[in-house]
Amino acid sequence: MSSPRNEAAKYKDRIVRDRRICGGEAVFKGTRVTLTTVLASLADGDSIEVILRDFPSLAPQDVHAAIAYAAACTVGKLPPRPHFRTFSRNQIYGEPRRMLGARGRA
């Protein structure tokens, strides 16, 4: 049995486009279930089990492939990570204070 990660990496083998099927929309091989439908179900909070029950022609690997496809589509399209500026201890707490002598002078 292969892991879901290995199966998801093969989304190109599971998701196909054919002009004769659903107007060329991306579907899962051997079905008329569209990729958009499965991704919308996931976005609505449906679990993999619910999706498989609603679409018995799909396998768990198909749902994993849909997630992998969506992740691959985001590469280079997400906003960059925020840059967090680092601060030294002195910048946070201020310059170290000199100890005052008995007469109040440094």
PDB file of N, CA and C in Angstrom:
ATOM      1  N   MET A   1       0.841  -1.175   0.000  1.00  0.00           N
ATOM      2  CA  MET A   1       0.000   0.000   0.000  1.00  0.00           C
ATOM      3  C   MET A   1       0.887   1.238   0.000  1.00  0.00           C
ATOM      4  N   SER A   2       0.657   2.153  -0.924  1.00  0.00           N
ATOM      5  CA  SER A   2       1.471   3.354  -0.972  1.00  0.00           C
ATOM      6  C   SER A   2       0.837   4.445  -0.127  1.00  0.00           C
ATOM      7  N   SER A   3       1.666   5.383   0.303  1.00  0.00           N
ATOM      8  CA  SER A   3       1.174   6.444   1.179  1.00  0.00           C
ATOM      9  C   SER A   3       0.393   7.468   0.369  1.00  0.00           C
ATOM     10  N   PRO A   4      -0.496   8.214   1.028  1.00  0.00           N
ATOM     11  CA  PRO A   4      -1.245   9.256   0.328  1.00  0.00           C
ATOM     12  C   PRO A   4      -0.321  10.285  -0.306  1.00  0.00           C
ATOM     13  N   ARG A   5       0.820  10.555   0.321  1.00  0.00           N
ATOM     14  CA  ARG A   5       1.754  11.530  -0.234  1.00  0.00           C
ATOM     15  C   ARG A   5       2.275  11.062  -1.591  1.00  0.00           C
ATOM     16  N   ASN A   6       2.612   9.764  -1.702  1.00  0.00           N
ATOM     17  CA  ASN A   6       3.093   9.240  -2.978  1.00  0.00           C
ATOM     18  C   ASN A   6       1.995   9.282  -4.037  1.00  0.00           C
ATOM     19  N   GLU A   7       0.785   8.942  -3.646  1.00  0.00           N
ATOM     20  CA  GLU A   7      -0.325   8.963  -4.590  1.00  0.00           C
ATOM     21  C   GLU A   7      -0.637  10.382  -5.047  1.00  0.00           C
ATOM     22  N   ALA A   8      -0.587  11.325  -4.105  1.00  0.00           N
ATOM     23  CA  ALA A   8      -0.905  12.709  -4.444  1.00  0.00           C
ATOM     24  C   ALA A   8       0.111  13.274  -5.424  1.00  0.00           C
ATOM     25  N   ALA A   9       1.354  12.814  -5.352  1.00  0.00           N
ATOM     26  CA  ALA A   9       2.377  13.301  -6.265  1.00  0.00           C
ATOM     27  C   ALA A   9       2.083  12.877  -7.701  1.00  0.00           C
ATOM     28  N   LYS A  10       1.234  11.892  -7.880  1.00  0.00           N
ATOM     29  CA  LYS A  10       0.906  11.395  -9.218  1.00  0.00           C
ATOM     30  C   LYS A  10      -0.399  11.986  -9.734  1.00  0.00           C
ATOM     31  N   TYR A  11      -0.725  13.214  -9.329  1.00  0.00           N
ATOM     32  CA  TYR A  11      -2.021  13.771  -9.741  1.00  0.00           C
ATOM     33  C   TYR A  11      -2.147  13.855 -11.250  1.00  0.00           C
ATOM     34  N   LYS A  12      -1.041  13.968 -11.943  1.00  0.00           N
ATOM     35  CA  LYS A  12      -1.100  14.060 -13.406  1.00  0.00           C
ATOM     36  C   LYS A  12      -1.618  12.762 -14.023  1.00  0.00           C
ATOM     37  N   ASP A  13      -1.478  11.656 -13.306  1.00  0.00           N
ATOM     38  CA  ASP A  13      -1.995  10.371 -13.791  1.00  0.00           C
ATOM     39  C   ASP A  13      -3.479  10.204 -13.482  1.00  0.00           C
ATOM     40  N   ARG A  14      -3.996  10.999 -12.561  1.00  0.00           N
ATOM     41  CA  ARG A  14      -5.377  10.822 -12.110  1.00  0.00           C
ATOM     42  C   ARG A  14      -6.318  11.906 -12.626  1.00  0.00           C
ATOM     43  N   ILE A  15      -5.779  13.067 -12.982  1.00  0.00           N
ATOM     44  CA  ILE A  15      -6.604  14.187 -13.446  1.00  0.00           C
ATOM     45  C   ILE A  15      -6.318  14.411 -14.923  1.00  0.00           C
ATOM     46  N   VAL A  16      -7.385  14.410 -15.710  1.00  0.00           N
ATOM     47  CA  VAL A  16      -7.226  14.530 -17.163  1.00  0.00           C
ATOM     48  C   VAL A  16      -8.164  15.608 -17.716  1.00  0.00           C
ATOM     49  N   ARG A  17      -7.832  16.061 -18.919  1.00  0.00           N
ATOM     50  CA  ARG A  17      -8.706  16.978 -19.654  1.00  0.00           C
ATOM     51  C   ARG A  17      -8.946  16.374 -21.030  1.00  0.00           C
ATOM     52  N   ASP A  18     -10.194  16.348 -21.412  1.00  0.00           N
ATOM     53  CA  ASP A  18     -10.578  15.828 -22.721  1.00  0.00           C
ATOM     54  C   ASP A  18     -11.759  16.662 -23.201  1.00  0.00           C
ATOM     55  N   ARG A  19     -11.648  17.236 -24.373  1.00  0.00           N
ATOM     56  CA  ARG A  19     -12.710  18.103 -24.899  1.00  0.00           C
ATOM     57  C   ARG A  19     -14.053  17.399 -24.970  1.00  0.00           C
ATOM     58  N   ARG A  20     -14.013  16.090 -25.095  1.00  0.00           N
ATOM     59  CA  ARG A  20     -15.261  15.322 -25.222  1.00  0.00           C
ATOM     60  C   ARG A  20     -15.910  15.023 -23.877  1.00  0.00           C
ATOM     61  N   ILE A  21     -15.205  15.298 -22.780  1.00  0.00           N
ATOM     62  CA  ILE A  21     -15.743  15.008 -21.442  1.00  0.00           C
ATOM     63  C   ILE A  21     -15.883  16.325 -20.679  1.00  0.00           C
ATOM     64  N   CYS A  22     -17.094  16.650 -20.306  1.00  0.00           N
ATOM     65  CA  CYS A  22     -17.393  17.856 -19.511  1.00  0.00           C
ATOM     66  C   CYS A  22     -16.805  19.119 -20.137  1.00  0.00           C
ATOM     67  N   GLY A  23     -16.829  19.186 -21.447  1.00  0.00           N
ATOM     68  CA  GLY A  23     -16.366  20.383 -22.145  1.00  0.00           C
ATOM     69  C   GLY A  23     -14.887  20.688 -21.953  1.00  0.00           C
ATOM     70  N   GLY A  24     -14.093  19.690 -21.637  1.00  0.00           N
ATOM     71  CA  GLY A  24     -12.658  19.895 -21.473  1.00  0.00           C
ATOM     72  C   GLY A  24     -12.249  20.302 -20.069  1.00  0.00           C
ATOM     73  N   GLU A  25     -13.213  20.320 -19.154  1.00  0.00           N
ATOM     74  CA  GLU A  25     -12.877  20.633 -17.766  1.00  0.00           C
ATOM     75  C   GLU A  25     -12.049  19.493 -17.181  1.00  0.00           C
ATOM     76  N   ALA A  26     -11.218  19.800 -16.204  1.00  0.00           N
ATOM     77  CA  ALA A  26     -10.403  18.767 -15.560  1.00  0.00           C
ATOM     78  C   ALA A  26     -11.321  17.807 -14.796  1.00  0.00           C
ATOM     79  N   VAL A  27     -11.169  16.508 -15.099  1.00  0.00           N
ATOM     80  CA  VAL A  27     -11.954  15.465 -14.433  1.00  0.00           C
ATOM     81  C   VAL A  27     -11.008  14.371 -13.963  1.00  0.00           C
ATOM     82  N   PHE A  28     -11.521  13.505 -13.122  1.00  0.00           N
ATOM     83  CA  PHE A  28     -10.740  12.358 -12.682  1.00  0.00           C
ATOM     84  C   PHE A  28     -10.877  11.250 -13.711  1.00  0.00           C
ATOM     85  N   LYS A  29      -9.755  10.674 -14.050  1.00  0.00           N
ATOM     86  CA  LYS A  29      -9.701   9.662 -15.105  1.00  0.00           C
ATOM     87  C   LYS A  29     -10.759   8.587 -14.898  1.00  0.00           C
ATOM     88  N   GLY A  30     -11.514   8.299 -15.947  1.00  0.00           N
ATOM     89  CA  GLY A  30     -12.534   7.261 -15.905  1.00  0.00           C
ATOM     90  C   GLY A  30     -13.850   7.709 -15.292  1.00  0.00           C
ATOM     91  N   THR A  31     -13.965   9.015 -14.951  1.00  0.00           N
ATOM     92  CA  THR A  31     -15.200   9.519 -14.355  1.00  0.00           C
ATOM     93  C   THR A  31     -15.622  10.804 -15.070  1.00  0.00           C
ATOM     94  N   ARG A  32     -16.765  11.313 -14.674  1.00  0.00           N
ATOM     95  CA  ARG A  32     -17.202  12.628 -15.125  1.00  0.00           C
ATOM     96  C   ARG A  32     -17.254  13.594 -13.941  1.00  0.00           C
ATOM     97  N   VAL A  33     -16.549  13.244 -12.874  1.00  0.00           N
ATOM     98  CA  VAL A  33     -16.483  14.090 -11.687  1.00  0.00           C
ATOM     99  C   VAL A  33     -15.376  15.120 -11.916  1.00  0.00           C
ATOM    100  N   THR A  34     -15.743  16.393 -11.806  1.00  0.00           N
ATOM    101  CA  THR A  34     -14.757  17.435 -12.091  1.00  0.00           C
ATOM    102  C   THR A  34     -13.888  17.736 -10.871  1.00  0.00           C
ATOM    103  N   LEU A  35     -12.700  18.188 -11.180  1.00  0.00           N
ATOM    104  CA  LEU A  35     -11.765  18.612 -10.149  1.00  0.00           C
ATOM    105  C   LEU A  35     -12.358  19.769  -9.348  1.00  0.00           C
ATOM    106  N   THR A  36     -13.003  20.685 -10.036  1.00  0.00           N
ATOM    107  CA  THR A  36     -13.625  21.832  -9.377  1.00  0.00           C
ATOM    108  C   THR A  36     -14.653  21.388  -8.341  1.00  0.00           C
ATOM    109  N   THR A  37     -15.434  20.380  -8.660  1.00  0.00           N
ATOM    110  CA  THR A  37     -16.455  19.882  -7.734  1.00  0.00           C
ATOM    111  C   THR A  37     -15.823  19.350  -6.461  1.00  0.00           C
ATOM    112  N   VAL A  38     -14.752  18.582  -6.591  1.00  0.00           N
ATOM    113  CA  VAL A  38     -14.094  18.006  -5.415  1.00  0.00           C
ATOM    114  C   VAL A  38     -13.419  19.092  -4.593  1.00  0.00           C
ATOM    115  N   LEU A  39     -12.750  20.038  -5.255  1.00  0.00           N
ATOM    116  CA  LEU A  39     -12.103  21.119  -4.512  1.00  0.00           C
ATOM    117  C   LEU A  39     -13.130  21.993  -3.800  1.00  0.00           C
ATOM    118  N   ALA A  40     -14.273  22.225  -4.429  1.00  0.00           N
ATOM    119  CA  ALA A  40     -15.331  23.005  -3.785  1.00  0.00           C
ATOM    120  C   ALA A  40     -15.875  22.270  -2.570  1.00  0.00           C
ATOM    121  N   SER A  41     -16.012  20.956  -2.668  1.00  0.00           N
ATOM    122  CA  SER A  41     -16.479  20.165  -1.528  1.00  0.00           C
ATOM    123  C   SER A  41     -15.495  20.247  -0.369  1.00  0.00           C
ATOM    124  N   LEU A  42     -14.203  20.160  -0.684  1.00  0.00           N
ATOM    125  CA  LEU A  42     -13.183  20.284   0.359  1.00  0.00           C
ATOM    126  C   LEU A  42     -13.222  21.684   0.988  1.00  0.00           C
ATOM    127  N   ALA A  43     -13.371  22.695   0.145  1.00  0.00           N
ATOM    128  CA  ALA A  43     -13.428  24.074   0.646  1.00  0.00           C
ATOM    129  C   ALA A  43     -14.643  24.296   1.539  1.00  0.00           C
ATOM    130  N   ASP A  44     -15.720  23.576   1.265  1.00  0.00           N
ATOM    131  CA  ASP A  44     -16.930  23.679   2.090  1.00  0.00           C
ATOM    132  C   ASP A  44     -16.812  22.906   3.398  1.00  0.00           C
ATOM    133  N   GLY A  45     -15.701  22.185   3.567  1.00  0.00           N
ATOM    134  CA  GLY A  45     -15.482  21.459   4.813  1.00  0.00           C
ATOM    135  C   GLY A  45     -15.843  19.993   4.775  1.00  0.00           C
ATOM    136  N   ASP A  46     -16.202  19.478   3.608  1.00  0.00           N
ATOM    137  CA  ASP A  46     -16.525  18.052   3.517  1.00  0.00           C
ATOM    138  C   ASP A  46     -15.271  17.223   3.729  1.00  0.00           C
ATOM    139  N   SER A  47     -15.406  16.132   4.440  1.00  0.00           N
ATOM    140  CA  SER A  47     -14.278  15.228   4.657  1.00  0.00           C
ATOM    141  C   SER A  47     -14.101  14.341   3.419  1.00  0.00           C
ATOM    142  N   ILE A  48     -12.973  13.692   3.370  1.00  0.00           N
ATOM    143  CA  ILE A  48     -12.714  12.773   2.254  1.00  0.00           C
ATOM    144  C   ILE A  48     -13.770  11.676   2.234  1.00  0.00           C
ATOM    145  N   GLU A  49     -14.167  11.197   3.404  1.00  0.00           N
ATOM    146  CA  GLU A  49     -15.171  10.135   3.478  1.00  0.00           C
ATOM    147  C   GLU A  49     -16.503  10.593   2.887  1.00  0.00           C
ATOM    148  N   VAL A  50     -16.892  11.826   3.182  1.00  0.00           N
ATOM    149  CA  VAL A  50     -18.157  12.359   2.637  1.00  0.00           C
ATOM    150  C   VAL A  50     -18.066  12.477   1.122  1.00  0.00           C
ATOM    151  N   ILE A  51     -16.935  12.967   0.622  1.00  0.00           N
ATOM    152  CA  ILE A  51     -16.765  13.103  -0.829  1.00  0.00           C
ATOM    153  C   ILE A  51     -16.822  11.743  -1.501  1.00  0.00           C
ATOM    154  N   LEU A  52     -16.179  10.746  -0.917  1.00  0.00           N
ATOM    155  CA  LEU A  52     -16.197   9.401  -1.508  1.00  0.00           C
ATOM    156  C   LEU A  52     -17.595   8.793  -1.467  1.00  0.00           C
ATOM    157  N   ARG A  53     -18.353   9.114  -0.443  1.00  0.00           N
ATOM    158  CA  ARG A  53     -19.727   8.622  -0.370  1.00  0.00           C
ATOM    159  C   ARG A  53     -20.587   9.313  -1.436  1.00  0.00           C
ATOM    160  N   ASP A  54     -20.377  10.628  -1.627  1.00  0.00           N
ATOM    161  CA  ASP A  54     -21.149  11.369  -2.627  1.00  0.00           C
ATOM    162  C   ASP A  54     -20.769  11.013  -4.063  1.00  0.00           C
ATOM    163  N   PHE A  55     -19.510  10.617  -4.257  1.00  0.00           N
ATOM    164  CA  PHE A  55     -19.021  10.281  -5.601  1.00  0.00           C
ATOM    165  C   PHE A  55     -18.360   8.913  -5.556  1.00  0.00           C
ATOM    166  N   PRO A  56     -19.156   7.851  -5.596  1.00  0.00           N
ATOM    167  CA  PRO A  56     -18.607   6.495  -5.445  1.00  0.00           C
ATOM    168  C   PRO A  56     -17.624   6.079  -6.539  1.00  0.00           C
ATOM    169  N   SER A  57     -17.589   6.807  -7.648  1.00  0.00           N
ATOM    170  CA  SER A  57     -16.639   6.457  -8.704  1.00  0.00           C
ATOM    171  C   SER A  57     -15.227   6.944  -8.383  1.00  0.00           C
ATOM    172  N   LEU A  58     -15.077   7.737  -7.319  1.00  0.00           N
ATOM    173  CA  LEU A  58     -13.755   8.228  -6.931  1.00  0.00           C
ATOM    174  C   LEU A  58     -13.099   7.301  -5.921  1.00  0.00           C
ATOM    175  N   ALA A  59     -11.773   7.329  -5.918  1.00  0.00           N
ATOM    176  CA  ALA A  59     -10.972   6.607  -4.927  1.00  0.00           C
ATOM    177  C   ALA A  59     -10.331   7.644  -4.001  1.00  0.00           C
ATOM    178  N   PRO A  60      -9.907   7.228  -2.823  1.00  0.00           N
ATOM    179  CA  PRO A  60      -9.240   8.183  -1.926  1.00  0.00           C
ATOM    180  C   PRO A  60      -8.050   8.877  -2.598  1.00  0.00           C
ATOM    181  N   GLN A  61      -7.362   8.153  -3.450  1.00  0.00           N
ATOM    182  CA  GLN A  61      -6.213   8.732  -4.144  1.00  0.00           C
ATOM    183  C   GLN A  61      -6.629   9.895  -5.052  1.00  0.00           C
ATOM    184  N   ASP A  62      -7.863   9.847  -5.557  1.00  0.00           N
ATOM    185  CA  ASP A  62      -8.346  10.946  -6.394  1.00  0.00           C
ATOM    186  C   ASP A  62      -8.471  12.232  -5.578  1.00  0.00           C
ATOM    187  N   VAL A  63      -8.980  12.119  -4.369  1.00  0.00           N
ATOM    188  CA  VAL A  63      -9.127  13.301  -3.516  1.00  0.00           C
ATOM    189  C   VAL A  63      -7.748  13.833  -3.131  1.00  0.00           C
ATOM    190  N   HIS A  64      -6.817  12.943  -2.820  1.00  0.00           N
ATOM    191  CA  HIS A  64      -5.449  13.371  -2.513  1.00  0.00           C
ATOM    192  C   HIS A  64      -4.817  14.042  -3.737  1.00  0.00           C
ATOM    193  N   ALA A  65      -5.118  13.535  -4.908  1.00  0.00           N
ATOM    194  CA  ALA A  65      -4.602  14.138  -6.135  1.00  0.00           C
ATOM    195  C   ALA A  65      -5.172  15.543  -6.328  1.00  0.00           C
ATOM    196  N   ALA A  66      -6.434  15.745  -5.982  1.00  0.00           N
ATOM    197  CA  ALA A  66      -7.052  17.068  -6.092  1.00  0.00           C
ATOM    198  C   ALA A  66      -6.334  18.065  -5.183  1.00  0.00           C
ATOM    199  N   ILE A  67      -6.022  17.629  -3.974  1.00  0.00           N
ATOM    200  CA  ILE A  67      -5.316  18.500  -3.031  1.00  0.00           C
ATOM    201  C   ILE A  67      -3.914  18.807  -3.553  1.00  0.00           C
ATOM    202  N   ALA A  68      -3.232  17.795  -4.078  1.00  0.00           N
ATOM    203  CA  ALA A  68      -1.882  17.991  -4.620  1.00  0.00           C
ATOM    204  C   ALA A  68      -1.914  18.939  -5.805  1.00  0.00           C
ATOM    205  N   TYR A  69      -2.932  18.807  -6.647  1.00  0.00           N
ATOM    206  CA  TYR A  69      -3.071  19.687  -7.803  1.00  0.00           C
ATOM    207  C   TYR A  69      -3.252  21.140  -7.349  1.00  0.00           C
ATOM    208  N   ALA A  70      -4.116  21.337  -6.365  1.00  0.00           N
ATOM    209  CA  ALA A  70      -4.358  22.689  -5.849  1.00  0.00           C
ATOM    210  C   ALA A  70      -3.078  23.267  -5.246  1.00  0.00           C
ATOM    211  N   ALA A  71      -2.333  22.447  -4.522  1.00  0.00           N
ATOM    212  CA  ALA A  71      -1.082  22.918  -3.930  1.00  0.00           C
ATOM    213  C   ALA A  71      -0.073  23.282  -5.018  1.00  0.00           C
ATOM    214  N   ALA A  72       0.007  22.463  -6.060  1.00  0.00           N
ATOM    215  CA  ALA A  72       0.945  22.743  -7.146  1.00  0.00           C
ATOM    216  C   ALA A  72       0.578  24.034  -7.874  1.00  0.00           C
ATOM    217  N   CYS A  73      -0.703  24.340  -7.944  1.00  0.00           N
ATOM    218  CA  CYS A  73      -1.144  25.560  -8.626  1.00  0.00           C
ATOM    219  C   CYS A  73      -0.775  26.820  -7.857  1.00  0.00           C
ATOM    220  N   THR A  74      -0.531  26.705  -6.573  1.00  0.00           N
ATOM    221  CA  THR A  74      -0.214  27.888  -5.771  1.00  0.00           C
ATOM    222  C   THR A  74       1.264  28.238  -5.779  1.00  0.00           C
ATOM    223  N   VAL A  75       2.096  27.351  -6.295  1.00  0.00           N
ATOM    224  CA  VAL A  75       3.533  27.600  -6.283  1.00  0.00           C
ATOM    225  C   VAL A  75       3.823  28.881  -7.055  1.00  0.00           C
ATOM    226  N   GLY A  76       4.452  29.809  -6.379  1.00  0.00           N
ATOM    227  CA  GLY A  76       4.801  31.080  -7.000  1.00  0.00           C
ATOM    228  C   GLY A  76       3.656  32.071  -7.083  1.00  0.00           C
ATOM    229  N   LYS A  77       2.487  31.720  -6.590  1.00  0.00           N
ATOM    230  CA  LYS A  77       1.337  32.614  -6.691  1.00  0.00           C
ATOM    231  C   LYS A  77       0.876  33.146  -5.347  1.00  0.00           C
ATOM    232  N   LEU A  78       1.447  32.653  -4.280  1.00  0.00           N
ATOM    233  CA  LEU A  78       1.066  33.133  -2.958  1.00  0.00           C
ATOM    234  C   LEU A  78       1.880  34.375  -2.628  1.00  0.00           C
ATOM    235  N   PRO A  79       1.324  35.256  -1.794  1.00  0.00           N
ATOM    236  CA  PRO A  79       2.122  36.420  -1.399  1.00  0.00           C
ATOM    237  C   PRO A  79       3.358  35.968  -0.638  1.00  0.00           C
ATOM    238  N   PRO A  80       4.433  36.739  -0.725  1.00  0.00           N
ATOM    239  CA  PRO A  80       5.646  36.324  -0.016  1.00  0.00           C
ATOM    240  C   PRO A  80       5.431  36.337   1.481  1.00  0.00           C
ATOM    241  N   ARG A  81       6.241  35.556   2.155  1.00  0.00           N
ATOM    242  CA  ARG A  81       6.172  35.524   3.612  1.00  0.00           C
ATOM    243  C   ARG A  81       6.521  36.903   4.149  1.00  0.00           C
ATOM    244  N   PRO A  82       5.870  37.305   5.225  1.00  0.00           N
ATOM    245  CA  PRO A  82       6.218  38.605   5.793  1.00  0.00           C
ATOM    246  C   PRO A  82       7.636  38.581   6.349  1.00  0.00           C
ATOM    247  N   HIS A  83       8.303  39.700   6.204  1.00  0.00           N
ATOM    248  CA  HIS A  83       9.662  39.805   6.721  1.00  0.00           C
ATOM    249  C   HIS A  83       9.583  40.322   8.145  1.00  0.00           C
ATOM    250  N   PHE A  84      10.117  39.564   9.054  1.00  0.00           N
ATOM    251  CA  PHE A  84      10.125  39.973  10.441  1.00  0.00           C
ATOM    252  C   PHE A  84      11.486  40.566  10.768  1.00  0.00           C
ATOM    253  N   ARG A  85      11.467  41.790  11.220  1.00  0.00           N
ATOM    254  CA  ARG A  85      12.699  42.462  11.582  1.00  0.00           C
ATOM    255  C   ARG A  85      13.148  41.959  12.944  1.00  0.00           C
ATOM    256  N   THR A  86      14.409  41.707  13.064  1.00  0.00           N
ATOM    257  CA  THR A  86      14.933  41.284  14.359  1.00  0.00           C
ATOM    258  C   THR A  86      15.492  42.496  15.089  1.00  0.00           C
ATOM    259  N   PHE A  87      15.358  42.480  16.362  1.00  0.00           N
ATOM    260  CA  PHE A  87      15.810  43.580  17.196  1.00  0.00           C
ATOM    261  C   PHE A  87      16.817  43.065  18.208  1.00  0.00           C
ATOM    262  N   SER A  88      17.765  43.916  18.511  1.00  0.00           N
ATOM    263  CA  SER A  88      18.718  43.558  19.565  1.00  0.00           C
ATOM    264  C   SER A  88      18.080  43.849  20.919  1.00  0.00           C
ATOM    265  N   ARG A  89      18.673  43.332  21.937  1.00  0.00           N
ATOM    266  CA  ARG A  89      18.169  43.564  23.296  1.00  0.00           C
ATOM    267  C   ARG A  89      18.139  45.057  23.611  1.00  0.00           C
ATOM    268  N   ASN A  90      19.157  45.785  23.161  1.00  0.00           N
ATOM    269  CA  ASN A  90      19.207  47.225  23.427  1.00  0.00           C
ATOM    270  C   ASN A  90      18.073  47.965  22.709  1.00  0.00           C
ATOM    271  N   GLN A  91      17.716  47.512  21.517  1.00  0.00           N
ATOM    272  CA  GLN A  91      16.629  48.172  20.794  1.00  0.00           C
ATOM    273  C   GLN A  91      15.284  47.927  21.471  1.00  0.00           C
ATOM    274  N   ILE A  92      15.141  46.813  22.118  1.00  0.00           N
ATOM    275  CA  ILE A  92      13.880  46.497  22.784  1.00  0.00           C
ATOM    276  C   ILE A  92      13.790  47.186  24.135  1.00  0.00           C
ATOM    277  N   TYR A  93      14.841  47.072  24.921  1.00  0.00           N
ATOM    278  CA  TYR A  93      14.808  47.576  26.287  1.00  0.00           C
ATOM    279  C   TYR A  93      15.499  48.931  26.453  1.00  0.00           C
ATOM    280  N   GLY A  94      16.077  49.452  25.407  1.00  0.00           N
ATOM    281  CA  GLY A  94      16.812  50.710  25.499  1.00  0.00           C
ATOM    282  C   GLY A  94      18.256  50.457  25.867  1.00  0.00           C
ATOM    283  N   GLU A  95      19.035  51.505  25.767  1.00  0.00           N
ATOM    284  CA  GLU A  95      20.450  51.385  26.102  1.00  0.00           C
ATOM    285  C   GLU A  95      20.587  51.040  27.584  1.00  0.00           C
ATOM    286  N   PRO A  96      21.601  50.270  27.916  1.00  0.00           N
ATOM    287  CA  PRO A  96      21.793  49.947  29.329  1.00  0.00           C
ATOM    288  C   PRO A  96      22.019  51.241  30.124  1.00  0.00           C
ATOM    289  N   ARG A  97      21.415  51.331  31.264  1.00  0.00           N
ATOM    290  CA  ARG A  97      21.556  52.522  32.105  1.00  0.00           C
ATOM    291  C   ARG A  97      22.780  52.367  32.991  1.00  0.00           C
ATOM    292  N   ARG A  98      23.454  53.461  33.115  1.00  0.00           N
ATOM    293  CA  ARG A  98      24.621  53.442  33.988  1.00  0.00           C
ATOM    294  C   ARG A  98      24.153  53.487  35.433  1.00  0.00           C
ATOM    295  N   MET A  99      24.875  52.830  36.237  1.00  0.00           N
ATOM    296  CA  MET A  99      24.567  52.855  37.664  1.00  0.00           C
ATOM    297  C   MET A  99      25.014  54.205  38.218  1.00  0.00           C
ATOM    298  N   LEU A 100      24.142  54.825  38.957  1.00  0.00           N
ATOM    299  CA  LEU A 100      24.484  56.110  39.538  1.00  0.00           C
ATOM    300  C   LEU A 100      25.245  55.890  40.839  1.00  0.00           C
ATOM    301  N   GLY A 101      26.213  56.720  41.041  1.00  0.00           N
ATOM    302  CA  GLY A 101      26.992  56.649  42.272  1.00  0.00           C
ATOM    303  C   GLY A 101      26.182  57.215  43.438  1.00  0.00           C
ATOM    304  N   ALA A 102      26.794  57.264  44.588  1.00  0.00           N
ATOM    305  CA  ALA A 102      26.130  57.726  45.793  1.00  0.00           C
ATOM    306  C   ALA A 102      25.682  59.179  45.677  1.00  0.00           C
ATOM    307  N   ARG A 103      26.375  59.983  44.882  1.00  0.00           N
ATOM    308  CA  ARG A 103      26.045  61.405  44.766  1.00  0.00           C
ATOM    309  C   ARG A 103      25.125  61.669  43.565  1.00  0.00           C
ATOM    310  N   GLY A 104      24.635  60.632  42.896  1.00  0.00           N
ATOM    311  CA  GLY A 104      23.717  60.803  41.779  1.00  0.00           C
ATOM    312  C   GLY A 104      24.404  61.096  40.466  1.00  0.00           C
ATOM    313  N   ARG A 105      25.750  60.894  40.431  1.00  0.00           N
ATOM    314  CA  ARG A 105      26.475  61.102  39.187  1.00  0.00           C
ATOM    315  C   ARG A 105      26.950  59.769  38.646  1.00  0.00           C
ATOM    316  N   ALA A 106      27.112  59.748  37.336  1.00  0.00           N
ATOM    317  CA  ALA A 106      27.585  58.516  36.722  1.00  0.00           C
ATOM    318  C   ALA A 106      29.061  58.336  36.919  1.00  0.00           C
TER     319      ALA A 106
END
